[in-house]
Amino acid sequence: MGDDTIEVVPRPVTSSAKTAKGKKRKHASPTVIIHQKKDAENGEDDTIWDVEVTPEPPSKKRTKRVSSSAAKKQRNAPESTTNGTHEAEAETEAEVEVEVEAQPEGELDTSKPSAVFKPVRRKNWTVSLALPGSFIANVSTLVQKTILAGRIARTCATFCIDEIVIFDDDPPTIPDKVSPKYRPKGSKKTKQEILESIEPDDQPFQNPDQFLHHVLAYAEAPPYLKDSLFPRHPNLGQAGVLPSLDMPHHMRADEWCRFREGVALDKSEVASFSESSNANYTPKSKSKSSKSKTAALKEFTYVYCGLPFPVKVPGLKQPGERLSVRFTNADPPPSWPNLSQAEVENLEIIVADELDSRPEAEGWYWGYTVRRANSLSAVYTECPYKGTPCSCETDCDHRGGYSFAIATSERGVPLSSIMPENLQPPPPTSKRTASSKSKSPSRPRASTPEPELLPPTFTHLLIVIGGVSGLEPAVAADSVLVSKAGLTKETAHQAFDYWVNLVPGQGSRTIRTEEAVDYACCLLKEYVDSQWDARGL
């Protein structure tokens, strides 16, 4: 008896469509024709049986229209048949309906963001970003300036930058945009004194460093604190175009977290707050438990942290001071988020001013800080981390302040060339590359020293981005770097530990400052994230 072969040939089926009379046809199930062949043996003729099989209609399926030849390939049918008629039928381009399993409803919900920051463990390092405010002066309208500032804020929030430093990249020169009324002839005021005398209405266009500092600080604050911390100001005239940073400390009204950002209130603000937010709030009427707590807390401060009513924290705080508060109980109250006045006042809260009690101690990214520096050298000399005990390994030569600085320039080495060995891209191993190297004639090459690799770990990383003219003029204009180190434009790279090119072979003549911030944060993310494994965390 001969070998049996089975072939599946798709047959055109009717689809749900309107007929000439306007009536709808019902969707027909596809019919599968099975051809079974028996080879002739002992003089027997070849026999072919056509078996029609109508599969049961599957539930919740969608159809995809393809050609019969494509359907044949999908079903792994043989390329040739023993019957010429069936072979011709299989190669026709008649449309058939191939049923594909539809995705179950409710399996993937993309209506809400899923990449919500979740703390895992404490992070023992920081990342700082330094850039000049002069690039803001390169655009003419307040809307454009605000959009640029918002882009910097958004990038820093996305990549968990801890500190933003805005430095003056040309300290000796007073910009031409500064009005003559602020710099009269014969005046002996320094540039910083002149800039500080600029009135609020003129700051967006005549003091770019202060404008950028103001907008970045505003964008970082939680939405429920912006009105309390930032009065109306011309720098914030177009704050409505700023993107939402949506950082972990930007709490929703019904979102619970053990930590919150708040602002200290005085007695008059507590009364006004109660009248505007909840007419039933009466701070003078207290329950027995509230009275006992008040007696225990002889000195306390009302703090607004986004809850229905202000909370009470121990100690006296300056009104208007921004505070980080920590709830003693990590779980939300039973009636959350609908808390009564008594429940809010009875919450056990402390001010998270100690390092071990802050959100960062539990692994939270809690926004960035913003500071100004009058020169590039002041970025180092005014480092807030100076004197901080080193948390690196015992053999680390960390001397306090920033561990090292990575500066960007089109004249630097590729960033990939200084990555640690475990992050280096693998060398090319293709045969074409090997053969081309063997056949190419040897040419004498200048000996270039191998760039120093980044250390496996760091405590405080500093990334320095240049302005419109780059970092070289900023180094040459810094009196400290010139007088003490003797640096010039040609030796500007000596002011930093690493001098890198973010985009080798760039297609555009220039890389804008805001673009360089994006590229630097993105390209260094793998190195920053490798700190977890490098420290064994």
Protein backbone atom coordinates (compact mmCIF):
# COMPACT_ATOMS: atom_id res chain seq x y z
CA MET A 1 0.00 0.00 0.00
CA GLY A 2 1.38 3.47 -0.88
CA ASP A 3 2.14 6.42 1.37
CA ASP A 4 -0.75 8.70 2.27
CA THR A 5 -0.43 12.48 1.73
CA ILE A 6 -2.90 15.06 2.97
CA GLU A 7 -3.25 18.52 1.47
CA VAL A 8 -5.41 21.40 2.70
CA VAL A 9 -6.66 23.75 0.00
CA PRO A 10 -8.51 26.96 0.93
CA ARG A 11 -11.85 27.52 -0.76
CA PRO A 12 -13.29 31.02 -1.36
CA VAL A 13 -16.09 31.72 1.09
CA THR A 14 -18.71 34.38 1.29
CA SER A 15 -18.25 37.26 3.66
CA SER A 16 -20.76 39.44 5.41
CA ALA A 17 -21.72 41.91 2.71
CA LYS A 18 -24.74 43.41 1.08
CA THR A 19 -26.17 41.74 -2.01
CA ALA A 20 -27.51 43.49 -5.03
CA LYS A 21 -30.93 43.60 -3.39
CA GLY A 22 -29.48 45.20 -0.29
CA LYS A 23 -29.82 42.09 1.91
CA LYS A 24 -26.98 41.00 4.13
CA ARG A 25 -25.46 37.58 3.69
CA LYS A 26 -24.62 35.55 6.71
CA HIS A 27 -20.96 34.87 7.31
CA ALA A 28 -20.19 31.33 6.14
CA SER A 29 -17.66 29.08 7.80
CA PRO A 30 -14.66 28.15 5.65
CA THR A 31 -14.76 24.69 4.07
CA VAL A 32 -11.61 22.58 4.18
CA ILE A 33 -11.08 20.10 1.32
CA ILE A 34 -8.84 17.16 2.23
CA HIS A 35 -7.25 15.35 -0.69
CA GLN A 36 -5.93 11.91 0.13
CA LYS A 37 -3.71 10.23 -2.42
CA LYS A 38 -2.80 6.59 -2.72
CA ASP A 39 0.01 5.63 -5.00
CA ALA A 40 -0.77 2.96 -7.58
CA GLU A 41 0.50 -0.45 -6.65
CA ASN A 42 -0.09 -3.77 -8.41
CA GLY A 43 -1.88 -2.04 -11.25
CA GLU A 44 -4.30 -0.15 -9.04
CA ASP A 45 -5.41 3.29 -10.18
CA ASP A 46 -4.74 6.48 -8.15
CA THR A 47 -7.73 7.40 -6.06
CA ILE A 48 -8.57 10.87 -4.58
CA TRP A 49 -11.26 11.43 -1.96
CA ASP A 50 -12.70 14.92 -1.31
CA VAL A 51 -13.81 15.19 2.30
CA GLU A 52 -15.67 18.35 3.26
CA VAL A 53 -15.12 19.40 6.88
CA THR A 54 -16.98 22.37 8.32
CA PRO A 55 -15.33 23.44 11.59
CA GLU A 56 -17.48 24.83 14.35
CA PRO A 57 -17.56 28.63 14.40
CA PRO A 58 -15.08 29.89 17.04
CA SER A 59 -16.26 32.36 19.65
CA LYS A 60 -15.10 36.00 19.68
CA LYS A 61 -12.88 35.90 16.64
CA ARG A 62 -11.98 38.54 14.16
CA THR A 63 -11.22 37.92 10.51
CA LYS A 64 -8.29 39.05 8.42
CA ARG A 65 -8.59 39.10 4.62
CA VAL A 66 -5.61 37.59 2.82
CA SER A 67 -4.99 36.00 -0.57
CA SER A 68 -5.32 32.28 -1.04
CA SER A 69 -1.63 31.94 -1.81
CA ALA A 70 -0.81 33.60 1.51
CA ALA A 71 -3.27 31.32 3.25
CA LYS A 72 -1.58 28.36 1.66
CA LYS A 73 1.79 29.41 3.07
CA GLN A 74 0.28 30.02 6.48
CA ARG A 75 -1.07 26.46 6.57
CA ASN A 76 2.30 25.03 5.45
CA ALA A 77 0.72 23.36 2.41
CA PRO A 78 2.96 21.55 -0.10
CA GLU A 79 4.12 23.61 -3.04
CA SER A 80 2.78 21.16 -5.64
CA THR A 81 -0.20 18.84 -5.92
CA THR A 82 -0.91 15.73 -7.97
CA ASN A 83 -4.00 17.19 -9.57
CA GLY A 84 -3.57 20.06 -11.98
CA THR A 85 -7.04 21.43 -11.30
CA HIS A 86 -6.45 21.67 -7.58
CA GLU A 87 -3.00 23.16 -8.15
CA ALA A 88 -4.46 25.95 -10.23
CA GLU A 89 -7.14 26.52 -7.61
CA ALA A 90 -4.53 26.80 -4.86
CA GLU A 91 -2.56 29.45 -6.78
CA THR A 92 -5.51 31.70 -7.55
CA GLU A 93 -5.67 35.05 -5.80
CA ALA A 94 -9.24 34.54 -4.65
CA GLU A 95 -9.74 36.13 -1.25
CA VAL A 96 -10.40 33.92 1.73
CA GLU A 97 -11.06 34.79 5.31
CA VAL A 98 -8.51 33.59 7.86
CA GLU A 99 -9.86 33.67 11.34
CA VAL A 100 -7.51 35.04 14.04
CA GLU A 101 -8.10 34.82 17.72
CA ALA A 102 -9.19 38.22 19.06
CA GLN A 103 -7.49 39.64 22.14
CA PRO A 104 -9.56 39.03 25.25
CA GLU A 105 -11.30 42.08 26.52
CA GLY A 106 -9.75 43.75 29.54
CA GLU A 107 -6.36 42.09 29.15
CA LEU A 108 -4.40 45.32 28.48
CA ASP A 109 -5.56 48.73 29.65
CA THR A 110 -3.61 51.63 28.14
CA SER A 111 -5.93 54.37 29.38
CA LYS A 112 -3.77 54.92 32.48
CA PRO A 113 0.03 55.09 32.77
CA SER A 114 1.62 51.86 33.92
CA ALA A 115 5.23 53.11 34.34
CA VAL A 116 4.60 54.40 37.85
CA PHE A 117 7.74 54.88 39.94
CA LYS A 118 7.98 52.21 42.62
CA PRO A 119 10.76 52.39 45.22
CA VAL A 120 12.76 49.22 45.63
CA ARG A 121 15.69 50.07 47.87
CA ARG A 122 17.72 53.04 48.97
CA LYS A 123 19.80 54.81 46.33
CA ASN A 124 23.26 55.79 47.59
CA TRP A 125 24.20 58.18 44.84
CA THR A 126 23.06 61.40 43.15
CA VAL A 127 23.19 62.80 39.63
CA SER A 128 23.56 66.55 39.07
CA LEU A 129 23.17 68.52 35.86
CA ALA A 130 24.86 71.89 35.25
CA LEU A 131 23.95 74.11 32.31
CA PRO A 132 24.08 77.86 31.54
CA GLY A 133 20.94 79.98 31.55
CA SER A 134 22.18 81.94 28.56
CA PHE A 135 20.58 79.55 26.08
CA ILE A 136 17.18 80.86 27.21
CA ALA A 137 18.12 84.27 25.80
CA ASN A 138 18.43 82.70 22.37
CA VAL A 139 14.64 82.79 21.87
CA SER A 140 12.57 85.94 21.73
CA THR A 141 9.13 85.28 23.22
CA LEU A 142 8.08 84.38 26.75
CA VAL A 143 6.22 81.32 25.49
CA GLN A 144 9.34 79.96 23.79
CA LYS A 145 11.44 80.58 26.88
CA THR A 146 8.93 78.77 29.06
CA ILE A 147 8.74 75.82 26.66
CA LEU A 148 12.54 75.46 26.71
CA ALA A 149 12.57 75.53 30.51
CA GLY A 150 9.76 72.98 30.60
CA ARG A 151 11.71 70.66 28.33
CA ILE A 152 14.70 70.75 30.70
CA ALA A 153 12.40 70.09 33.67
CA ARG A 154 10.67 67.21 31.92
CA THR A 155 13.95 65.51 30.97
CA CYS A 156 15.37 65.87 34.47
CA ALA A 157 12.20 64.44 35.99
CA THR A 158 12.15 61.51 33.57
CA PHE A 159 15.77 60.52 34.27
CA CYS A 160 15.60 61.16 38.04
CA ILE A 161 18.09 64.03 38.15
CA ASP A 162 18.68 65.10 41.76
CA GLU A 163 20.15 68.58 41.27
CA ILE A 164 20.11 71.24 38.55
CA VAL A 165 22.80 73.94 38.62
CA ILE A 166 22.38 77.05 36.46
CA PHE A 167 25.71 78.83 35.97
CA ASP A 168 26.77 82.06 34.29
CA ASP A 169 28.96 81.14 31.33
CA ASP A 170 30.23 84.71 30.82
CA PRO A 171 30.65 86.41 34.24
CA PRO A 172 32.61 89.51 33.14
CA THR A 173 30.23 90.57 30.36
CA ILE A 174 26.94 92.36 30.95
CA PRO A 175 24.48 91.29 28.24
CA ASP A 176 23.41 93.94 25.74
CA LYS A 177 19.79 93.13 26.51
CA VAL A 178 20.14 94.60 29.99
CA SER A 179 18.51 98.04 29.98
CA PRO A 180 20.82 101.08 30.47
CA LYS A 181 18.78 102.11 33.51
CA TYR A 182 20.25 99.17 35.38
CA ARG A 183 23.84 99.92 34.32
CA PRO A 184 24.41 103.67 34.29
CA LYS A 185 27.70 105.04 33.07
CA GLY A 186 30.38 105.20 35.71
CA SER A 187 28.64 102.63 37.89
CA LYS A 188 30.95 100.32 39.81
CA LYS A 189 28.37 97.63 40.34
CA THR A 190 29.32 94.09 39.51
CA LYS A 191 27.39 92.05 37.01
CA GLN A 192 25.63 90.11 39.74
CA GLU A 193 24.59 93.32 41.51
CA ILE A 194 23.19 94.67 38.26
CA LEU A 195 21.27 91.48 37.54
CA GLU A 196 19.82 91.42 41.04
CA SER A 197 18.55 94.99 40.60
CA ILE A 198 16.48 94.09 37.53
CA GLU A 199 12.79 94.52 38.20
CA PRO A 200 10.45 91.50 37.98
CA ASP A 201 8.81 92.72 34.76
CA ASP A 202 12.19 92.73 33.01
CA GLN A 203 13.59 89.48 34.35
CA PRO A 204 12.30 87.14 31.62
CA PHE A 205 14.20 89.03 28.93
CA GLN A 206 17.16 90.51 30.83
CA ASN A 207 18.08 87.91 33.46
CA PRO A 208 17.90 84.47 31.83
CA ASP A 209 19.61 82.66 34.72
CA GLN A 210 17.03 83.83 37.23
CA PHE A 211 14.19 83.15 34.82
CA LEU A 212 15.31 79.54 34.26
CA HIS A 213 15.84 79.01 37.99
CA HIS A 214 12.37 80.36 38.77
CA VAL A 215 10.53 78.28 36.18
CA LEU A 216 12.39 75.05 36.99
CA ALA A 217 11.61 75.43 40.71
CA TYR A 218 7.96 76.14 39.92
CA ALA A 219 7.66 73.07 37.68
CA GLU A 220 9.15 70.80 40.36
CA ALA A 221 6.67 71.80 43.08
CA PRO A 222 3.57 69.62 43.59
CA PRO A 223 0.49 71.11 41.89
CA TYR A 224 -1.36 71.64 45.18
CA LEU A 225 1.53 73.76 46.54
CA LYS A 226 2.28 75.97 43.54
CA ASP A 227 -0.07 78.80 44.59
CA SER A 228 1.24 78.77 48.15
CA LEU A 229 4.93 78.70 47.26
CA PHE A 230 4.97 80.87 44.15
CA PRO A 231 3.12 84.19 44.07
CA ARG A 232 2.24 85.72 40.72
CA HIS A 233 5.35 86.78 38.85
CA PRO A 234 6.17 87.81 35.26
CA ASN A 235 8.55 84.84 34.99
CA LEU A 236 5.53 82.58 35.38
CA GLY A 237 3.32 84.49 32.98
CA GLN A 238 3.19 81.54 30.55
CA ALA A 239 3.45 78.72 33.10
CA GLY A 240 0.34 77.19 31.58
CA VAL A 241 2.43 75.80 28.68
CA LEU A 242 4.68 73.85 31.04
CA PRO A 243 4.32 70.07 30.76
CA SER A 244 3.20 68.08 33.76
CA LEU A 245 6.20 66.44 35.43
CA ASP A 246 4.01 63.92 37.30
CA MET A 247 6.78 62.93 39.72
CA PRO A 248 6.19 60.63 42.69
CA HIS A 249 5.68 63.53 45.11
CA HIS A 250 3.01 65.09 42.85
CA MET A 251 0.22 63.33 44.71
CA ARG A 252 -3.36 63.06 43.54
CA ALA A 253 -6.12 63.88 46.01
CA ASP A 254 -6.96 60.20 46.54
CA GLU A 255 -3.41 58.85 46.31
CA TRP A 256 -1.82 57.57 49.48
CA CYS A 257 1.88 57.68 50.26
CA ARG A 258 3.73 57.65 53.53
CA PHE A 259 5.49 60.88 52.53
CA ARG A 260 4.07 64.18 51.34
CA GLU A 261 5.29 67.66 50.54
CA GLY A 262 3.68 70.50 52.45
CA VAL A 263 3.93 74.17 53.34
CA ALA A 264 3.84 75.65 56.85
CA LEU A 265 0.81 77.88 57.58
CA ASP A 266 0.28 80.64 60.08
CA LYS A 267 -2.96 81.07 62.04
CA SER A 268 -4.51 83.46 59.55
CA GLU A 269 -3.76 81.10 56.67
CA VAL A 270 -5.33 78.21 58.54
CA ALA A 271 -8.55 80.18 58.95
CA SER A 272 -8.60 81.36 55.34
CA PHE A 273 -7.76 77.89 54.13
CA SER A 274 -10.67 76.40 56.05
CA GLU A 275 -13.14 78.93 54.69
CA SER A 276 -12.08 78.44 51.09
CA SER A 277 -11.66 74.65 51.11
CA ASN A 278 -14.29 73.37 53.54
CA ALA A 279 -16.99 75.41 55.21
CA ASN A 280 -17.35 72.82 58.01
CA TYR A 281 -13.73 73.16 59.10
CA THR A 282 -13.48 74.76 62.56
CA PRO A 283 -9.95 74.61 63.96
CA LYS A 284 -11.07 75.85 67.40
CA SER A 285 -13.41 72.91 68.12
CA LYS A 286 -11.38 69.85 69.04
CA SER A 287 -12.29 66.36 70.17
CA LYS A 288 -10.93 64.85 73.37
CA SER A 289 -8.22 62.92 71.55
CA SER A 290 -7.31 66.04 69.62
CA LYS A 291 -7.10 68.06 72.83
CA SER A 292 -4.85 65.50 74.47
CA LYS A 293 -2.59 65.51 71.44
CA THR A 294 -2.50 69.30 71.42
CA ALA A 295 -1.56 69.29 75.10
CA ALA A 296 1.28 66.89 74.38
CA LEU A 297 2.44 69.06 71.50
CA LYS A 298 3.05 72.37 73.21
CA GLU A 299 4.69 73.67 70.05
CA PHE A 300 3.27 72.62 66.72
CA THR A 301 2.73 73.99 63.24
CA TYR A 302 -0.16 73.55 60.84
CA VAL A 303 1.06 72.19 57.50
CA TYR A 304 -0.96 71.94 54.31
CA CYS A 305 0.09 68.82 52.41
CA GLY A 306 -2.82 68.24 50.03
CA LEU A 307 -5.15 66.54 52.51
CA PRO A 308 -8.70 67.81 53.13
CA PHE A 309 -7.48 69.68 56.25
CA PRO A 310 -4.09 70.89 57.47
CA VAL A 311 -2.08 68.49 59.59
CA LYS A 312 -0.17 69.31 62.75
CA VAL A 313 3.55 68.61 63.02
CA PRO A 314 5.70 69.06 66.12
CA GLY A 315 7.85 72.17 66.39
CA LEU A 316 7.56 75.73 65.15
CA LYS A 317 8.20 76.27 61.46
CA GLN A 318 8.46 79.47 59.50
CA PRO A 319 5.21 80.23 57.62
CA GLY A 320 5.64 79.58 53.92
CA GLU A 321 8.46 77.07 54.49
CA ARG A 322 8.30 73.96 52.35
CA LEU A 323 8.48 70.74 54.35
CA SER A 324 8.59 67.03 53.72
CA VAL A 325 6.34 65.19 56.18
CA ARG A 326 6.28 61.51 57.07
CA PHE A 327 3.32 59.56 58.42
CA THR A 328 4.21 57.22 61.26
CA ASN A 329 1.81 54.60 59.95
CA ALA A 330 2.66 53.37 56.47
CA ASP A 331 -0.93 52.25 55.82
CA PRO A 332 -3.72 54.73 54.97
CA PRO A 333 -6.43 55.47 57.52
CA PRO A 334 -9.57 53.28 57.27
CA SER A 335 -11.69 56.10 55.88
CA TRP A 336 -9.13 57.20 53.27
CA PRO A 337 -9.50 59.40 51.24
CA ASN A 338 -12.63 60.83 52.92
CA LEU A 339 -10.99 62.03 56.11
CA SER A 340 -12.72 64.14 58.71
CA GLN A 341 -11.13 67.02 60.55
CA ALA A 342 -10.54 64.92 63.66
CA GLU A 343 -8.97 62.09 61.65
CA VAL A 344 -6.58 64.47 59.93
CA GLU A 345 -5.52 66.17 63.15
CA ASN A 346 -4.99 62.82 64.87
CA LEU A 347 -2.59 61.55 62.22
CA GLU A 348 0.86 60.98 63.67
CA ILE A 349 3.24 62.97 61.48
CA ILE A 350 6.83 64.12 61.75
CA VAL A 351 8.90 66.48 59.64
CA ALA A 352 11.24 64.41 57.48
CA ASP A 353 14.26 66.66 57.87
CA GLU A 354 16.68 63.94 58.94
CA LEU A 355 18.45 62.03 56.18
CA ASP A 356 17.23 58.63 57.38
CA SER A 357 13.61 59.80 57.62
CA ARG A 358 13.42 61.39 54.18
CA PRO A 359 11.66 59.71 51.22
CA GLU A 360 15.00 59.07 49.53
CA ALA A 361 15.94 56.77 52.41
CA GLU A 362 13.21 54.38 51.29
CA GLY A 363 14.13 54.56 47.62
CA TRP A 364 11.76 57.30 46.45
CA TYR A 365 12.77 59.78 43.76
CA TRP A 366 11.54 63.01 45.31
CA GLY A 367 12.23 65.61 42.63
CA TYR A 368 15.22 67.84 42.02
CA THR A 369 16.72 70.90 43.68
CA VAL A 370 17.73 74.03 41.76
CA ARG A 371 20.58 76.41 42.55
CA ARG A 372 22.45 79.18 40.76
CA ALA A 373 26.20 79.60 40.35
CA ASN A 374 27.83 82.91 39.36
CA SER A 375 30.49 81.12 37.31
CA LEU A 376 31.51 77.68 36.13
CA SER A 377 34.04 77.30 38.95
CA ALA A 378 31.30 78.13 41.48
CA VAL A 379 29.52 74.97 40.41
CA TYR A 380 32.29 73.08 42.21
CA THR A 381 33.10 75.44 45.09
CA GLU A 382 29.44 75.77 46.13
CA CYS A 383 28.66 72.07 45.83
CA PRO A 384 26.11 71.16 48.51
CA TYR A 385 27.64 67.69 48.83
CA LYS A 386 31.03 68.97 49.98
CA GLY A 387 31.95 67.36 53.26
CA THR A 388 29.37 64.60 52.90
CA PRO A 389 30.83 61.32 54.17
CA CYS A 390 31.74 59.05 51.31
CA SER A 391 29.58 55.98 50.88
CA CYS A 392 31.84 54.34 48.31
CA GLU A 393 34.07 51.35 48.92
CA THR A 394 36.91 51.57 51.42
CA ASP A 395 39.54 51.92 48.69
CA CYS A 396 37.70 54.84 47.06
CA ASP A 397 39.67 58.11 46.93
CA HIS A 398 36.52 60.19 46.98
CA ARG A 399 37.38 63.54 48.57
CA GLY A 400 33.88 64.97 49.04
CA GLY A 401 31.84 67.11 46.65
CA TYR A 402 31.25 65.70 43.19
CA SER A 403 32.95 62.41 42.46
CA PHE A 404 33.79 63.51 38.93
CA ALA A 405 32.43 65.68 36.13
CA ILE A 406 31.51 64.66 32.58
CA ALA A 407 31.50 67.62 30.18
CA THR A 408 30.20 67.59 26.62
CA SER A 409 31.85 69.00 23.51
CA GLU A 410 31.99 68.13 19.83
CA ARG A 411 35.79 67.94 20.27
CA GLY A 412 35.56 65.24 22.93
CA VAL A 413 35.92 61.48 22.69
CA PRO A 414 32.86 59.33 22.03
CA LEU A 415 30.95 58.63 25.21
CA SER A 416 30.87 54.92 24.42
CA SER A 417 34.69 54.78 24.53
CA ILE A 418 34.87 55.67 28.24
CA MET A 419 32.17 53.33 29.48
CA PRO A 420 33.27 50.64 31.97
CA GLU A 421 34.29 47.34 30.44
CA ASN A 422 31.03 45.64 31.37
CA LEU A 423 29.11 48.30 29.41
CA GLN A 424 31.43 48.43 26.39
CA PRO A 425 29.84 47.33 23.08
CA PRO A 426 31.20 44.01 21.79
CA PRO A 427 33.86 44.29 19.07
CA PRO A 428 32.83 43.43 15.50
CA THR A 429 33.41 39.75 14.70
CA SER A 430 31.98 39.49 11.18
CA LYS A 431 34.03 37.66 8.53
CA ARG A 432 33.76 40.65 6.25
CA THR A 433 35.40 42.89 8.80
CA ALA A 434 38.16 40.39 9.49
CA SER A 435 38.92 39.82 5.80
CA SER A 436 38.88 43.52 5.00
CA LYS A 437 41.38 44.15 7.79
CA SER A 438 43.70 41.42 6.54
CA LYS A 439 43.65 42.64 2.94
CA SER A 440 44.01 46.36 3.68
CA PRO A 441 47.61 47.65 3.51
CA SER A 442 49.17 48.65 6.81
CA ARG A 443 49.29 52.40 7.34
CA PRO A 444 51.23 54.21 10.02
CA ARG A 445 48.90 55.71 12.61
CA ALA A 446 49.56 58.30 15.26
CA SER A 447 49.67 56.83 18.73
CA THR A 448 46.66 58.11 20.68
CA PRO A 449 46.34 57.27 24.36
CA GLU A 450 43.38 55.19 25.35
CA PRO A 451 40.76 57.29 27.17
CA GLU A 452 40.32 56.64 30.86
CA LEU A 453 37.23 54.60 31.61
CA LEU A 454 34.51 55.70 33.98
CA PRO A 455 34.81 54.18 37.46
CA PRO A 456 32.38 51.38 38.25
CA THR A 457 30.78 53.38 41.09
CA PHE A 458 30.31 57.00 42.07
CA THR A 459 28.69 58.97 44.86
CA HIS A 460 27.84 62.29 43.20
CA LEU A 461 27.99 62.48 39.42
CA LEU A 462 28.07 65.87 37.67
CA ILE A 463 27.08 66.33 34.02
CA VAL A 464 28.06 69.70 32.50
CA ILE A 465 26.37 71.00 29.34
CA GLY A 466 27.53 74.05 27.39
CA GLY A 467 25.55 76.96 26.00
CA VAL A 468 25.21 78.32 22.49
CA SER A 469 28.99 78.70 22.07
CA GLY A 470 29.95 75.60 24.03
CA LEU A 471 31.94 75.11 27.21
CA GLU A 472 35.27 76.38 25.89
CA PRO A 473 34.30 80.10 26.13
CA ALA A 474 32.80 79.49 29.57
CA VAL A 475 36.13 78.13 30.84
CA ALA A 476 38.10 80.98 29.27
CA ALA A 477 35.74 83.56 30.84
CA ASP A 478 36.07 82.13 34.36
CA SER A 479 38.64 84.20 36.28
CA VAL A 480 39.29 81.45 38.82
CA LEU A 481 39.97 78.78 36.20
CA VAL A 482 42.18 81.17 34.22
CA SER A 483 44.20 82.60 37.11
CA LYS A 484 44.68 79.46 39.20
CA ALA A 485 44.73 76.75 36.55
CA GLY A 486 45.86 78.79 33.54
CA LEU A 487 43.15 77.31 31.35
CA THR A 488 42.25 78.60 27.90
CA LYS A 489 39.80 77.58 25.22
CA GLU A 490 42.31 75.08 23.90
CA THR A 491 42.83 73.50 27.34
CA ALA A 492 39.23 73.79 28.53
CA HIS A 493 38.93 70.02 28.77
CA GLN A 494 41.30 70.04 31.75
CA ALA A 495 38.59 71.66 33.90
CA PHE A 496 36.67 68.37 33.81
CA ASP A 497 37.39 64.72 34.42
CA TYR A 498 35.86 63.52 31.15
CA TRP A 499 35.45 65.39 27.86
CA VAL A 500 32.97 63.54 25.66
CA ASN A 501 31.16 63.89 22.36
CA LEU A 502 27.54 62.80 22.65
CA VAL A 503 26.80 62.52 18.92
CA PRO A 504 29.88 61.65 16.84
CA GLY A 505 29.32 62.34 13.16
CA GLN A 506 26.32 64.56 13.82
CA GLY A 507 24.30 65.51 10.78
CA SER A 508 23.46 68.99 12.02
CA ARG A 509 26.10 71.67 12.50
CA THR A 510 25.06 72.26 16.10
CA ILE A 511 23.59 70.39 19.02
CA ARG A 512 21.27 72.65 21.00
CA THR A 513 21.60 72.85 24.77
CA GLU A 514 18.21 71.29 25.42
CA GLU A 515 19.04 68.52 22.94
CA ALA A 516 22.39 67.86 24.64
CA VAL A 517 20.56 67.46 27.96
CA ASP A 518 18.30 64.83 26.39
CA TYR A 519 21.19 62.96 24.78
CA ALA A 520 23.42 63.02 27.87
CA CYS A 521 20.72 61.75 30.21
CA CYS A 522 19.68 59.03 27.79
CA LEU A 523 23.19 57.80 26.95
CA LEU A 524 24.30 57.78 30.60
CA LYS A 525 21.20 56.03 31.93
CA GLU A 526 22.65 52.55 31.52
CA TYR A 527 25.78 53.62 33.41
CA VAL A 528 23.74 55.21 36.21
CA ASP A 529 21.47 52.17 36.49
CA SER A 530 24.51 49.88 36.67
CA GLN A 531 25.24 51.29 40.14
CA TRP A 532 22.75 48.84 41.62
CA ASP A 533 24.74 45.84 40.44
CA ALA A 534 28.14 47.48 40.94
CA ARG A 535 27.33 48.11 44.60
CA GLY A 536 25.73 44.73 45.09
CA LEU A 537 22.34 46.25 45.95
